[in-house]
Amino acid sequence: MPKERTNIYITERQKKQLEKRSMEEDLPMAEIIRRALDTYLAWDDPTYHPIPPKPRTKERA
């Protein structure tokens, strides 16, 4: 699914938490934000169904 770039402002604390979770889950911060946004949008709208992300493949050296 195509993605559109946007800018958001977050607090320093939010950024630190995102960086921490990004490292722990081996996911980009943008993916964590997209998932959080999907959860928020689906909270009270039963018609909202996010498209699941494709599994990430990572070559390990």
N, C-alpha and C. Protein backbone atom coordinates (compact mmCIF):
# COMPACT_ATOMS: atom_id res chain seq x y z
N MET A 1 0.85 -1.17 0.00
CA MET A 1 0.00 0.00 0.00
C MET A 1 0.89 1.24 0.00
N PRO A 2 0.61 2.20 -0.87
CA PRO A 2 1.43 3.41 -0.90
C PRO A 2 1.29 4.21 0.39
N LYS A 3 2.35 4.84 0.76
CA LYS A 3 2.36 5.65 1.98
C LYS A 3 2.58 7.10 1.60
N GLU A 4 2.06 7.99 2.44
CA GLU A 4 2.23 9.42 2.22
C GLU A 4 3.02 10.00 3.38
N ARG A 5 3.99 10.80 3.06
CA ARG A 5 4.82 11.41 4.10
C ARG A 5 4.06 12.54 4.78
N THR A 6 4.21 12.61 6.09
CA THR A 6 3.62 13.69 6.87
C THR A 6 4.54 14.00 8.04
N ASN A 7 4.40 15.15 8.61
CA ASN A 7 5.20 15.53 9.77
C ASN A 7 4.30 15.65 10.99
N ILE A 8 4.80 15.21 12.13
CA ILE A 8 4.07 15.36 13.38
C ILE A 8 5.03 15.90 14.43
N TYR A 9 4.47 16.48 15.44
CA TYR A 9 5.27 16.96 16.56
C TYR A 9 4.99 16.06 17.75
N ILE A 10 6.04 15.53 18.34
CA ILE A 10 5.91 14.70 19.52
C ILE A 10 6.83 15.24 20.61
N THR A 11 6.54 14.85 21.83
CA THR A 11 7.38 15.31 22.93
C THR A 11 8.68 14.51 22.95
N GLU A 12 9.64 15.01 23.68
CA GLU A 12 10.91 14.31 23.83
C GLU A 12 10.68 12.94 24.48
N ARG A 13 9.80 12.92 25.47
CA ARG A 13 9.50 11.65 26.14
C ARG A 13 8.89 10.64 25.17
N GLN A 14 7.94 11.08 24.32
CA GLN A 14 7.34 10.19 23.34
C GLN A 14 8.39 9.65 22.38
N LYS A 15 9.31 10.52 21.96
CA LYS A 15 10.35 10.08 21.04
C LYS A 15 11.25 9.03 21.68
N LYS A 16 11.62 9.24 22.93
CA LYS A 16 12.46 8.26 23.62
C LYS A 16 11.76 6.92 23.74
N GLN A 17 10.46 6.96 24.06
CA GLN A 17 9.71 5.71 24.17
C GLN A 17 9.59 5.02 22.82
N LEU A 18 9.36 5.80 21.76
CA LEU A 18 9.29 5.23 20.42
C LEU A 18 10.62 4.60 20.01
N GLU A 19 11.71 5.29 20.29
CA GLU A 19 13.03 4.75 19.95
C GLU A 19 13.28 3.45 20.69
N LYS A 20 12.91 3.42 21.97
CA LYS A 20 13.09 2.21 22.78
C LYS A 20 12.30 1.05 22.20
N ARG A 21 11.02 1.30 21.91
CA ARG A 21 10.18 0.24 21.37
C ARG A 21 10.65 -0.18 19.98
N SER A 22 11.11 0.77 19.20
CA SER A 22 11.63 0.48 17.87
C SER A 22 12.81 -0.49 17.94
N MET A 23 13.68 -0.26 18.87
CA MET A 23 14.84 -1.15 19.06
C MET A 23 14.39 -2.53 19.55
N GLU A 24 13.49 -2.55 20.52
CA GLU A 24 13.03 -3.82 21.10
C GLU A 24 12.29 -4.68 20.09
N GLU A 25 11.48 -4.05 19.24
CA GLU A 25 10.65 -4.79 18.30
C GLU A 25 11.26 -4.88 16.90
N ASP A 26 12.41 -4.25 16.72
CA ASP A 26 13.07 -4.24 15.41
C ASP A 26 12.12 -3.74 14.32
N LEU A 27 11.44 -2.63 14.64
CA LEU A 27 10.52 -2.00 13.70
C LEU A 27 10.86 -0.52 13.59
N PRO A 28 10.61 0.06 12.43
CA PRO A 28 10.80 1.51 12.31
C PRO A 28 9.78 2.25 13.18
N MET A 29 10.17 3.42 13.67
CA MET A 29 9.25 4.21 14.47
C MET A 29 7.98 4.52 13.68
N ALA A 30 8.10 4.76 12.39
CA ALA A 30 6.93 5.07 11.57
C ALA A 30 5.92 3.93 11.59
N GLU A 31 6.38 2.70 11.58
CA GLU A 31 5.47 1.55 11.61
C GLU A 31 4.74 1.48 12.95
N ILE A 32 5.44 1.77 14.03
CA ILE A 32 4.80 1.76 15.34
C ILE A 32 3.72 2.85 15.40
N ILE A 33 4.02 4.01 14.85
CA ILE A 33 3.05 5.10 14.83
C ILE A 33 1.85 4.73 13.96
N ARG A 34 2.10 4.11 12.79
CA ARG A 34 0.98 3.69 11.94
C ARG A 34 0.08 2.70 12.66
N ARG A 35 0.67 1.75 13.37
CA ARG A 35 -0.12 0.76 14.11
C ARG A 35 -0.93 1.41 15.22
N ALA A 36 -0.32 2.37 15.91
CA ALA A 36 -1.04 3.07 16.98
C ALA A 36 -2.20 3.87 16.38
N LEU A 37 -1.98 4.50 15.25
CA LEU A 37 -3.03 5.27 14.60
C LEU A 37 -4.16 4.36 14.14
N ASP A 38 -3.83 3.21 13.58
CA ASP A 38 -4.85 2.23 13.19
C ASP A 38 -5.70 1.81 14.39
N THR A 39 -5.06 1.56 15.51
CA THR A 39 -5.78 1.17 16.72
C THR A 39 -6.73 2.29 17.15
N TYR A 40 -6.24 3.52 17.13
CA TYR A 40 -7.06 4.67 17.51
C TYR A 40 -8.25 4.82 16.57
N LEU A 41 -8.02 4.73 15.27
CA LEU A 41 -9.10 4.92 14.30
C LEU A 41 -10.15 3.82 14.37
N ALA A 42 -9.74 2.61 14.71
CA ALA A 42 -10.67 1.49 14.81
C ALA A 42 -11.41 1.45 16.15
N TRP A 43 -10.96 2.24 17.11
CA TRP A 43 -11.50 2.20 18.47
C TRP A 43 -13.03 2.30 18.50
N ASP A 44 -13.57 3.29 17.79
CA ASP A 44 -15.02 3.47 17.83
C ASP A 44 -15.67 3.45 16.44
N ASP A 45 -14.94 2.93 15.46
CA ASP A 45 -15.49 2.83 14.11
C ASP A 45 -15.37 1.39 13.63
N PRO A 46 -16.45 0.62 13.75
CA PRO A 46 -16.37 -0.80 13.36
C PRO A 46 -16.14 -1.01 11.87
N THR A 47 -16.31 0.05 11.06
CA THR A 47 -16.09 -0.10 9.62
C THR A 47 -14.62 0.08 9.24
N TYR A 48 -13.81 0.57 10.17
CA TYR A 48 -12.39 0.80 9.87
C TYR A 48 -11.62 -0.50 10.01
N HIS A 49 -11.00 -0.93 8.93
CA HIS A 49 -10.18 -2.13 8.94
C HIS A 49 -8.84 -1.82 8.29
N PRO A 50 -7.80 -1.71 9.09
CA PRO A 50 -6.49 -1.42 8.50
C PRO A 50 -6.00 -2.59 7.66
N ILE A 51 -5.24 -2.26 6.66
CA ILE A 51 -4.61 -3.30 5.85
C ILE A 51 -3.39 -3.78 6.61
N PRO A 52 -3.31 -5.09 6.92
CA PRO A 52 -2.15 -5.58 7.67
C PRO A 52 -0.85 -5.33 6.90
N PRO A 53 0.20 -4.95 7.63
CA PRO A 53 1.48 -4.72 6.94
C PRO A 53 2.05 -6.04 6.43
N LYS A 54 2.82 -5.93 5.35
CA LYS A 54 3.51 -7.11 4.84
C LYS A 54 4.59 -7.52 5.84
N PRO A 55 4.81 -8.82 6.00
CA PRO A 55 5.89 -9.25 6.90
C PRO A 55 7.22 -8.70 6.42
N ARG A 56 8.03 -8.24 7.36
CA ARG A 56 9.35 -7.72 7.01
C ARG A 56 10.31 -8.88 6.84
N THR A 57 11.12 -8.76 5.83
CA THR A 57 12.20 -9.74 5.65
C THR A 57 13.50 -8.99 5.85
N LYS A 58 14.37 -9.61 6.59
CA LYS A 58 15.63 -8.95 6.90
C LYS A 58 16.75 -9.97 6.68
N GLU A 59 17.68 -9.59 5.83
CA GLU A 59 18.82 -10.47 5.59
C GLU A 59 19.80 -10.29 6.72
N ARG A 60 20.22 -11.34 7.27
CA ARG A 60 21.21 -11.30 8.36
C ARG A 60 22.54 -11.77 7.82
N ALA A 61 23.55 -11.01 8.12
CA ALA A 61 24.90 -11.36 7.65
C ALA A 61 25.60 -12.24 8.64
